[in-house]
């Protein structure tokens, strides 16, 4: 089975969040079962060393304002197709945001180019390799099925995967011709979305199947509270929608071999985790104590519920807890957490940064990880927490609800609890969950049993990759 992934980022090469981890992990797992996967991503400046060793397989005289090419290279076990378009991607700043912190003004062209290149590979192949199915990921790849429809050529089926429906790629309708979209595509059944163009809407309307990253999120998307304007379309395509839980790369996230930890450990050697905790405390300026060390590794946004956590800090500290926060995001939240670290010096430490190595240390050195998201399609940090025996404290929503078993009385009696859930999602209930975690931490036998149980919980990709493969196979069979 030949599968083309089209996405805007892929770990370990370029990453801003969980999407990259998924794109970097799934092709390897699919390859283990015999699939041949190629991943098309833009050639951002960070990928320049890979481009220099790559082979050109497709050339464009003009791709939305300049010449471009697709080059092919294999790195870290992933077959990459890199879209080299200096006029679109070779610039200082983030992959979505400029140095001013705002979206690049030409993001519509930048990711239309990615989709157009994906459609080109889908119909023409590269080096004799032809994809049998295309999996487009998030809005940045949403125009792939639109461009395929316009070619009039025979083309492979397209799966559209929603990683977060909050990001929809919405642009002014006057950009239709600039995006090389024909006027017939600007309809309710095409790219039109409340009088504008939505890349994600195009992908959802024109793809052959739709997936998202957890079963609970798939159900939530059908409601006005979570569908964010797309719920009507998703309800109409309900039979084509599947929720497949994300997994994690078990080689990258492994406490027994993690090079970012001062002390590696397993479920049989949990005492070694103390050395990692001491390192976290030192890095974040925290005093030692007998209470639990909570961590946050997240974008600092209201979606992640971190404003609620600020309200809970007095009680967290009063319970003897410590908090280490790593992340970047909304300016007001960054400022508020820095102020909290000054107010609760020694109990709250904050580093405003994106640091992959430090995120590993926090997972390996903290006792619990806080994820109070107002909505969460799947979430990966709670899966890392399970893998590292860092018990998740999570809101009962989306993939968080699907992956964490709450330490309520019944679950403790049945020896199946792996963390702490709270609902409804507000500061009061988050505070109660933190209090429960602090209380449980002071019962070492129960806490240790939960840690070991969490570390045994399956968080890899095998089962979910098989579900993706089944969808691909059914679409190919249907086309045949």
Protein backbone atom coordinates (compact mmCIF):
# COMPACT_ATOMS: atom_id res chain seq x y z
CA UNK A 1 0.00 0.00 0.00
CA UNK A 2 1.48 3.34 -1.10
CA UNK A 3 0.39 6.26 1.10
CA UNK A 4 1.14 9.97 0.72
CA UNK A 5 1.01 12.14 3.84
CA UNK A 6 0.69 15.89 3.28
CA UNK A 7 1.35 18.04 6.35
CA UNK A 8 2.91 21.31 7.44
CA UNK A 9 5.34 19.84 10.00
CA UNK A 10 7.00 16.59 10.94
CA UNK A 11 9.11 15.66 13.97
CA UNK A 12 12.01 15.59 14.50
CA UNK A 13 12.69 17.95 11.58
CA UNK A 14 10.26 20.80 12.29
CA UNK A 15 7.77 20.97 15.14
CA UNK A 16 5.42 23.42 16.83
CA UNK A 17 3.10 20.90 18.47
CA UNK A 18 1.54 17.46 18.52
CA UNK A 19 0.81 17.39 14.79
CA UNK A 20 4.52 17.03 14.08
CA UNK A 21 4.84 14.12 16.51
CA UNK A 22 2.02 12.28 14.77
CA UNK A 23 3.42 12.84 11.28
CA UNK A 24 6.84 11.70 12.46
CA UNK A 25 5.59 8.53 14.12
CA UNK A 26 2.77 7.03 12.06
CA UNK A 27 4.69 6.41 8.81
CA UNK A 28 7.24 4.32 10.68
CA UNK A 29 4.55 2.16 12.25
CA UNK A 30 2.73 1.76 8.94
CA UNK A 31 6.02 0.77 7.32
CA UNK A 32 6.38 -2.04 9.86
CA UNK A 33 3.21 -3.58 8.44
CA UNK A 34 4.40 -3.30 4.86
CA UNK A 35 3.06 0.12 3.82
CA UNK A 36 5.20 2.50 1.76
CA UNK A 37 4.66 6.02 3.10
CA UNK A 38 6.07 9.28 1.80
CA UNK A 39 5.64 12.52 3.75
CA UNK A 40 5.35 15.83 1.89
CA UNK A 41 6.23 18.92 3.95
CA UNK A 42 7.57 22.38 3.10
CA UNK A 43 11.35 22.85 3.04
CA UNK A 44 11.66 25.45 5.80
CA UNK A 45 15.15 26.84 6.50
CA UNK A 46 15.61 24.29 9.30
CA UNK A 47 15.52 21.53 6.68
CA UNK A 48 18.29 22.99 4.51
CA UNK A 49 20.81 20.24 5.43
CA UNK A 50 18.36 17.61 4.17
CA UNK A 51 17.71 19.49 0.93
CA UNK A 52 21.40 19.52 0.08
CA UNK A 53 21.48 15.71 0.09
CA UNK A 54 18.16 15.24 -1.73
CA UNK A 55 17.21 14.29 -5.27
CA UNK A 56 14.88 16.47 -7.35
CA UNK A 57 11.77 14.55 -8.41
CA UNK A 58 9.31 17.32 -9.46
CA UNK A 59 9.86 20.83 -10.79
CA UNK A 60 7.49 23.82 -11.03
CA UNK A 61 8.32 26.78 -13.27
CA UNK A 62 5.94 28.85 -11.19
CA UNK A 63 4.30 27.86 -7.91
CA UNK A 64 2.33 30.80 -6.57
CA UNK A 65 4.92 33.41 -7.42
CA UNK A 66 8.22 31.66 -8.01
CA UNK A 67 9.98 28.50 -9.17
CA UNK A 68 9.85 25.46 -6.92
CA UNK A 69 10.75 21.81 -6.78
CA UNK A 70 10.05 18.70 -4.77
CA UNK A 71 13.12 16.81 -3.59
CA UNK A 72 13.22 13.37 -2.04
CA UNK A 73 15.38 12.19 0.85
CA UNK A 74 15.21 9.58 3.60
CA UNK A 75 16.03 10.66 7.16
CA UNK A 76 15.46 8.99 10.55
CA UNK A 77 13.58 6.21 8.78
CA UNK A 78 11.08 8.55 7.07
CA UNK A 79 10.82 8.98 3.29
CA UNK A 80 10.46 12.75 2.91
CA UNK A 81 9.28 14.81 -0.04
CA UNK A 82 10.40 18.38 0.62
CA UNK A 83 8.71 21.24 -1.20
CA UNK A 84 11.51 23.69 -1.95
CA UNK A 85 10.00 27.12 -2.67
CA UNK A 86 12.29 29.83 -1.31
CA UNK A 87 9.82 32.62 -2.06
CA UNK A 88 7.32 30.95 0.27
CA UNK A 89 9.32 29.23 2.98
CA UNK A 90 12.89 30.58 3.11
CA UNK A 91 12.43 33.32 5.72
CA UNK A 92 13.28 34.10 9.32
CA UNK A 93 10.51 33.56 11.85
CA UNK A 94 8.14 30.73 12.63
CA UNK A 95 6.55 28.39 10.14
CA UNK A 96 3.15 30.02 10.67
CA UNK A 97 4.01 33.32 12.34
CA UNK A 98 6.36 36.12 11.40
CA UNK A 99 8.84 37.81 13.76
CA UNK A 100 6.03 40.13 14.88
CA UNK A 101 4.07 37.16 16.25
CA UNK A 102 1.33 37.52 13.63
CA UNK A 103 0.34 35.10 10.86
CA UNK A 104 2.39 35.47 7.70
CA UNK A 105 0.28 37.62 5.36
CA UNK A 106 0.73 35.07 2.55
CA UNK A 107 -0.10 31.94 4.54
CA UNK A 108 -2.88 31.24 2.07
CA UNK A 109 -0.37 31.01 -0.79
CA UNK A 110 2.21 29.16 1.30
CA UNK A 111 -0.13 26.33 2.15
CA UNK A 112 -2.06 26.38 -1.11
CA UNK A 113 1.35 25.57 -2.60
CA UNK A 114 1.72 22.62 -0.23
CA UNK A 115 -1.73 21.33 -1.21
CA UNK A 116 -1.11 21.92 -4.91
CA UNK A 117 2.18 20.00 -4.71
CA UNK A 118 0.38 17.21 -2.85
CA UNK A 119 -2.22 16.98 -5.61
CA UNK A 120 0.57 16.90 -8.21
CA UNK A 121 2.27 13.94 -6.50
CA UNK A 122 -1.12 12.25 -6.06
CA UNK A 123 -1.87 12.29 -9.79
CA UNK A 124 1.61 11.97 -11.31
CA UNK A 125 3.65 10.18 -8.66
CA UNK A 126 7.37 10.61 -8.08
CA UNK A 127 10.16 8.45 -9.53
CA UNK A 128 7.75 5.72 -10.57
CA UNK A 129 6.06 5.64 -7.14
CA UNK A 130 2.30 6.29 -7.22
CA UNK A 131 0.24 6.82 -4.08
CA UNK A 132 -2.87 4.69 -3.70
CA UNK A 133 -4.29 6.96 -1.00
CA UNK A 134 -3.54 10.47 0.28
CA UNK A 135 -3.85 11.53 3.93
CA UNK A 136 -4.08 15.32 4.27
CA UNK A 137 -3.53 16.72 7.75
CA UNK A 138 -5.20 19.87 9.12
CA UNK A 139 -6.10 23.03 7.24
CA UNK A 140 -2.67 23.52 5.72
CA UNK A 141 -3.31 20.49 3.50
CA UNK A 142 -7.05 21.03 3.14
CA UNK A 143 -7.00 22.09 -0.50
CA UNK A 144 -5.52 18.79 -1.72
CA UNK A 145 -8.92 17.29 -2.64
CA UNK A 146 -10.03 20.60 -4.19
CA UNK A 147 -7.07 20.67 -6.55
CA UNK A 148 -7.57 16.99 -7.34
CA UNK A 149 -11.20 17.67 -8.30
CA UNK A 150 -10.04 20.42 -10.66
CA UNK A 151 -7.54 18.24 -12.54
CA UNK A 152 -10.19 15.99 -14.04
CA UNK A 153 -7.66 13.18 -13.81
CA UNK A 154 -8.07 9.82 -12.14
CA UNK A 155 -6.79 10.32 -8.61
CA UNK A 156 -6.40 8.36 -5.38
CA UNK A 157 -8.89 8.75 -2.51
CA UNK A 158 -8.17 11.38 0.13
CA UNK A 159 -8.47 11.05 3.90
CA UNK A 160 -8.75 14.38 5.75
CA UNK A 161 -7.49 14.29 9.34
CA UNK A 162 -8.56 16.97 11.84
CA UNK A 163 -5.98 17.50 14.55
CA UNK A 164 -7.65 20.64 15.90
CA UNK A 165 -10.78 22.10 14.33
CA UNK A 166 -10.12 25.47 15.94
CA UNK A 167 -7.64 26.19 13.15
CA UNK A 168 -9.59 26.42 9.89
CA UNK A 169 -7.46 28.36 7.38
CA UNK A 170 -10.03 31.04 6.57
CA UNK A 171 -9.22 33.67 3.94
CA UNK A 172 -11.05 36.33 1.96
CA UNK A 173 -13.12 35.18 -1.01
CA UNK A 174 -11.28 37.65 -3.26
CA UNK A 175 -8.28 35.30 -3.03
CA UNK A 176 -10.02 32.56 -5.03
CA UNK A 177 -8.21 33.18 -8.32
CA UNK A 178 -4.90 33.87 -6.54
CA UNK A 179 -5.19 30.39 -5.03
CA UNK A 180 -5.71 28.86 -8.47
CA UNK A 181 -9.21 27.76 -7.50
CA UNK A 182 -11.89 27.78 -10.17
CA UNK A 183 -15.08 29.71 -9.49
CA UNK A 184 -17.09 26.47 -9.52
CA UNK A 185 -15.25 25.46 -6.31
CA UNK A 186 -16.71 28.43 -4.41
CA UNK A 187 -19.91 26.71 -3.34
CA UNK A 188 -21.43 25.35 -0.17
CA UNK A 189 -20.24 21.90 -1.23
CA UNK A 190 -16.72 23.17 -1.91
CA UNK A 191 -14.40 25.75 -0.39
CA UNK A 192 -17.01 28.41 0.52
CA UNK A 193 -17.45 29.00 4.24
CA UNK A 194 -19.74 31.84 5.41
CA UNK A 195 -18.78 33.89 2.37
CA UNK A 196 -15.07 33.22 2.73
CA UNK A 197 -12.63 30.47 1.74
CA UNK A 198 -11.78 27.82 4.32
CA UNK A 199 -9.03 25.32 3.57
CA UNK A 200 -10.28 22.99 6.30
CA UNK A 201 -13.88 23.20 5.07
CA UNK A 202 -12.64 22.23 1.59
CA UNK A 203 -10.89 19.19 2.99
CA UNK A 204 -13.90 18.10 5.01
CA UNK A 205 -16.36 18.61 2.16
CA UNK A 206 -14.33 17.10 -0.68
CA UNK A 207 -12.38 14.24 0.92
CA UNK A 208 -13.43 10.60 0.75
CA UNK A 209 -13.14 10.00 4.49
CA UNK A 210 -12.56 12.10 7.60
CA UNK A 211 -10.66 11.12 10.71
CA UNK A 212 -9.87 12.89 13.91
CA UNK A 213 -7.60 12.06 16.78
CA UNK A 214 -9.83 10.50 19.43
CA UNK A 215 -13.25 8.84 19.62
CA UNK A 216 -14.61 11.37 22.13
CA UNK A 217 -13.47 14.33 20.02
CA UNK A 218 -15.20 12.80 16.99
CA UNK A 219 -18.46 12.86 18.96
CA UNK A 220 -17.83 16.35 20.33
CA UNK A 221 -17.26 17.74 16.83
CA UNK A 222 -20.88 17.00 15.96
CA UNK A 223 -22.05 19.54 18.55
CA UNK A 224 -22.15 23.38 18.38
CA UNK A 225 -19.98 23.63 21.49
CA UNK A 226 -17.02 21.92 19.81
CA UNK A 227 -17.71 21.91 16.05
CA UNK A 228 -16.84 25.61 15.70
CA UNK A 229 -19.15 26.15 12.76
CA UNK A 230 -18.28 22.88 11.03
CA UNK A 231 -20.71 20.71 13.01
CA UNK A 232 -23.42 20.79 10.33
CA UNK A 233 -21.05 19.55 7.65
CA UNK A 234 -19.66 16.88 9.96
CA UNK A 235 -23.15 15.74 10.91
CA UNK A 236 -23.94 15.37 7.21
CA UNK A 237 -20.79 13.28 6.79
CA UNK A 238 -21.14 11.39 10.04
CA UNK A 239 -20.85 8.00 8.35
CA UNK A 240 -17.47 9.05 6.91
CA UNK A 241 -16.07 10.31 10.24
CA UNK A 242 -13.85 8.15 12.48
CA UNK A 243 -12.13 8.96 15.75
CA UNK A 244 -8.77 7.19 15.99
CA UNK A 245 -6.77 7.79 19.13
CA UNK A 246 -3.28 9.22 18.74
CA UNK A 247 -0.28 7.34 20.03
CA UNK A 248 3.32 8.32 20.72
CA UNK A 249 6.73 7.24 19.46
CA UNK A 250 7.83 4.69 22.05
CA UNK A 251 11.48 4.99 21.05
CA UNK A 252 11.62 8.77 21.43
CA UNK A 253 9.59 8.77 24.64
CA UNK A 254 11.15 6.04 26.74
CA UNK A 255 12.24 6.68 30.36
CA UNK A 256 14.59 3.70 30.20
CA UNK A 257 16.70 5.20 27.39
CA UNK A 258 15.86 8.94 27.30
CA UNK A 259 19.14 10.86 26.82
CA UNK A 260 17.58 14.03 28.27
CA UNK A 261 17.25 12.50 31.76
CA UNK A 262 20.03 12.58 34.36
CA UNK A 263 18.75 9.18 35.51
CA UNK A 264 16.88 6.71 33.33
CA UNK A 265 14.41 4.41 35.05
CA UNK A 266 11.66 1.86 34.60
CA UNK A 267 8.56 0.77 36.47
CA UNK A 268 10.86 -1.50 38.47
CA UNK A 269 13.29 1.27 39.44
CA UNK A 270 11.08 4.25 40.23
CA UNK A 271 13.38 5.50 42.99
CA UNK A 272 15.80 6.64 40.28
CA UNK A 273 13.23 9.25 39.28
CA UNK A 274 14.26 11.29 42.35
CA UNK A 275 17.44 12.44 40.61
CA UNK A 276 15.36 13.84 37.75
CA UNK A 277 13.05 15.58 40.19
CA UNK A 278 16.03 17.23 41.85
CA UNK A 279 17.23 18.46 38.46
CA UNK A 280 13.80 19.93 37.64
CA UNK A 281 13.73 21.71 41.00
CA UNK A 282 17.19 23.12 40.36
CA UNK A 283 16.37 24.28 36.81
CA UNK A 284 13.14 25.97 37.90
CA UNK A 285 14.37 27.44 41.18
CA UNK A 286 12.09 25.30 43.34
CA UNK A 287 12.72 24.31 46.94
CA UNK A 288 12.61 20.65 47.86
CA UNK A 289 9.74 19.37 49.94
CA UNK A 290 7.55 16.38 50.66
CA UNK A 291 4.69 17.45 48.39
CA UNK A 292 4.11 16.54 44.75
CA UNK A 293 5.84 18.35 41.90
CA UNK A 294 3.32 19.26 39.19
CA UNK A 295 4.39 20.35 35.73
CA UNK A 296 2.84 22.06 32.73
CA UNK A 297 4.29 21.54 29.24
CA UNK A 298 1.98 23.42 26.94
CA UNK A 299 1.07 26.31 24.76
CA UNK A 300 -0.02 28.98 27.23
CA UNK A 301 -3.51 29.63 25.91
CA UNK A 302 -7.05 29.82 27.22
CA UNK A 303 -7.89 26.68 25.22
CA UNK A 304 -5.46 24.82 27.46
CA UNK A 305 -7.31 26.10 30.54
CA UNK A 306 -4.20 27.62 32.05
CA UNK A 307 -6.01 30.76 33.22
CA UNK A 308 -7.94 28.42 35.54
CA UNK A 309 -4.68 27.04 36.89
CA UNK A 310 -3.62 30.55 37.90
CA UNK A 311 -6.71 30.71 40.11
CA UNK A 312 -5.73 27.42 41.74
CA UNK A 313 -2.14 28.32 42.62
CA UNK A 314 -2.81 29.49 46.21
CA UNK A 315 -4.40 26.15 47.10
CA UNK A 316 -1.79 24.13 45.18
CA UNK A 317 0.96 25.80 47.22
CA UNK A 318 -1.05 25.50 50.45
CA UNK A 319 -1.27 21.73 49.87
CA UNK A 320 2.52 21.60 49.71
CA UNK A 321 2.68 21.22 45.96
CA UNK A 322 5.26 22.71 43.61
CA UNK A 323 4.72 23.73 40.00
CA UNK A 324 7.12 23.92 37.03
CA UNK A 325 5.74 25.57 33.87
CA UNK A 326 7.32 25.36 30.41
CA UNK A 327 5.71 26.96 27.38
CA UNK A 328 4.98 30.01 25.29
CA UNK A 329 1.71 31.52 24.16
CA UNK A 330 -0.63 34.38 24.92
CA UNK A 331 1.24 37.39 26.25
CA UNK A 332 -1.12 37.93 29.17
CA UNK A 333 -0.72 34.33 30.33
CA UNK A 334 3.06 34.40 29.93
CA UNK A 335 3.15 37.54 32.08
CA UNK A 336 0.75 36.12 34.67
CA UNK A 337 2.79 32.96 35.16
CA UNK A 338 6.03 34.91 35.47
CA UNK A 339 4.36 37.12 38.09
CA UNK A 340 3.14 33.98 39.89
CA UNK A 341 6.68 32.60 39.98
CA UNK A 342 7.77 35.80 41.75
CA UNK A 343 4.81 35.74 44.12
CA UNK A 344 5.34 32.07 45.01
CA UNK A 345 9.12 31.98 44.72
CA UNK A 346 10.44 28.51 45.48
CA UNK A 347 7.04 26.93 44.89
CA UNK A 348 6.31 28.01 41.31
CA UNK A 349 8.95 28.12 38.59
CA UNK A 350 8.35 29.28 35.02
CA UNK A 351 10.42 29.12 31.84
CA UNK A 352 8.86 30.89 28.86
CA UNK A 353 10.35 28.89 26.02
CA UNK A 354 9.85 25.98 23.66
CA UNK A 355 12.47 23.41 24.68
CA UNK A 356 12.09 19.80 23.59
CA UNK A 357 14.88 18.47 25.84
CA UNK A 358 13.47 20.27 28.87
CA UNK A 359 10.02 18.85 28.16
CA UNK A 360 11.53 15.37 28.44
CA UNK A 361 13.14 16.29 31.76
CA UNK A 362 9.82 17.58 33.11
CA UNK A 363 8.10 14.32 32.17
CA UNK A 364 10.92 12.32 33.75
CA UNK A 365 11.21 14.42 36.90
CA UNK A 366 7.71 15.55 37.85
CA UNK A 367 5.18 13.63 39.90
CA UNK A 368 2.13 14.81 37.96
CA UNK A 369 1.33 16.76 34.80
CA UNK A 370 -1.55 19.25 34.64
CA UNK A 371 -3.70 19.39 31.47
CA UNK A 372 -6.86 21.36 32.27
CA UNK A 373 -7.86 21.97 28.62
CA UNK A 374 -11.28 23.37 27.83
CA UNK A 375 -11.17 21.14 24.76
CA UNK A 376 -8.48 18.73 23.64
CA UNK A 377 -8.74 16.73 20.40
CA UNK A 378 -6.39 14.09 21.74
CA UNK A 379 -3.43 15.48 23.60
CA UNK A 380 -0.03 13.88 23.70
CA UNK A 381 1.47 15.21 26.91
CA UNK A 382 -0.82 13.02 29.01
CA UNK A 383 0.41 10.01 27.02
CA UNK A 384 3.99 11.03 27.70
CA UNK A 385 3.00 11.36 31.35
CA UNK A 386 1.62 7.83 31.43
CA UNK A 387 4.77 6.49 29.77
CA UNK A 388 6.98 8.23 32.37
CA UNK A 389 4.84 7.49 35.43
CA UNK A 390 4.00 11.20 35.75
CA UNK A 391 0.34 11.00 36.64
CA UNK A 392 -1.93 13.20 34.49
CA UNK A 393 -4.47 15.56 36.01
CA UNK A 394 -6.84 16.24 33.12
CA UNK A 395 -10.13 17.79 32.14
CA UNK A 396 -12.75 15.26 31.07
CA UNK A 397 -12.87 16.13 27.38
CA UNK A 398 -11.78 14.72 24.03
CA UNK A 399 -8.76 12.45 24.06
CA UNK A 400 -8.04 13.24 27.70
CA UNK A 401 -11.25 11.45 28.65
CA UNK A 402 -10.33 8.53 26.38
CA UNK A 403 -6.85 7.94 27.80
CA UNK A 404 -6.91 8.60 31.55
CA UNK A 405 -8.76 6.52 34.15
CA UNK A 406 -9.79 8.69 37.09
CA UNK A 407 -8.65 7.72 40.57
CA UNK A 408 -12.15 7.62 41.97
CA UNK A 409 -13.07 5.17 44.69
CA UNK A 410 -14.27 2.47 42.29
CA UNK A 411 -11.14 2.70 40.13
CA UNK A 412 -8.86 2.54 43.17
CA UNK A 413 -10.66 -0.54 44.48
CA UNK A 414 -10.41 -2.15 41.04
CA UNK A 415 -6.71 -1.21 40.72
CA UNK A 416 -7.18 0.50 37.35
CA UNK A 417 -6.70 4.24 38.03
CA UNK A 418 -3.97 6.01 36.04
CA UNK A 419 -4.57 9.69 36.86
CA UNK A 420 -7.15 12.28 37.83
CA UNK A 421 -10.05 13.65 35.77
CA UNK A 422 -12.28 16.60 36.56
CA UNK A 423 -15.57 17.95 35.22
CA UNK A 424 -17.26 20.31 34.75
CA UNK A 425 -14.26 22.19 33.40
CA UNK A 426 -13.79 25.15 35.74
CA UNK A 427 -11.26 26.38 38.29
CA UNK A 428 -13.19 24.97 41.26
CA UNK A 429 -13.17 21.43 39.90
CA UNK A 430 -9.55 21.72 38.77
CA UNK A 431 -8.67 22.78 42.31
CA UNK A 432 -10.45 19.73 43.70
CA UNK A 433 -8.55 17.46 41.31
CA UNK A 434 -5.24 18.99 42.41
CA UNK A 435 -6.26 18.51 46.04
CA UNK A 436 -7.11 14.85 45.34
CA UNK A 437 -3.74 14.38 43.68
CA UNK A 438 -1.92 15.92 46.66
CA UNK A 439 -3.89 13.72 49.07
CA UNK A 440 -3.16 10.57 47.05
CA UNK A 441 0.54 11.48 46.78
CA UNK A 442 0.77 11.24 50.56
CA UNK A 443 -0.30 7.59 50.28
CA UNK A 444 2.91 6.18 48.76
CA UNK A 445 1.64 2.66 48.14
CA UNK A 446 -1.38 3.88 46.18
CA UNK A 447 0.65 6.50 44.26
CA UNK A 448 3.40 4.04 43.35
CA UNK A 449 0.83 1.48 42.19
CA UNK A 450 -0.77 4.15 39.99
CA UNK A 451 2.62 5.08 38.53
CA UNK A 452 3.38 1.48 37.59
CA UNK A 453 -0.09 0.99 36.16
CA UNK A 454 0.25 4.18 34.11
CA UNK A 455 3.58 3.02 32.71
CA UNK A 456 1.98 -0.25 31.57
CA UNK A 457 -0.88 1.52 29.80
CA UNK A 458 -0.61 1.07 26.00
CA UNK A 459 0.26 4.42 24.44
CA UNK A 460 1.96 3.33 21.21
CA UNK A 461 0.69 3.51 17.66
CA UNK A 462 0.17 -0.14 16.69
CA UNK A 463 -3.58 -0.37 17.28
CA UNK A 464 -4.34 3.10 15.90
CA UNK A 465 -2.11 2.64 12.86
CA UNK A 466 -4.01 -0.53 12.07
CA UNK A 467 -7.25 1.47 12.19
CA UNK A 468 -5.84 4.00 9.72
CA UNK A 469 -4.66 1.20 7.47
CA UNK A 470 -8.13 -0.36 7.51
CA UNK A 471 -9.64 2.93 6.34
CA UNK A 472 -7.05 3.27 3.59
CA UNK A 473 -7.68 -0.28 2.43
CA UNK A 474 -11.45 0.19 2.33
CA UNK A 475 -11.12 3.38 0.25
CA UNK A 476 -8.74 1.72 -2.21
CA UNK A 477 -11.05 -1.27 -2.52
CA UNK A 478 -14.02 1.04 -3.09
CA UNK A 479 -12.16 2.89 -5.88
CA UNK A 480 -11.18 -0.40 -7.53
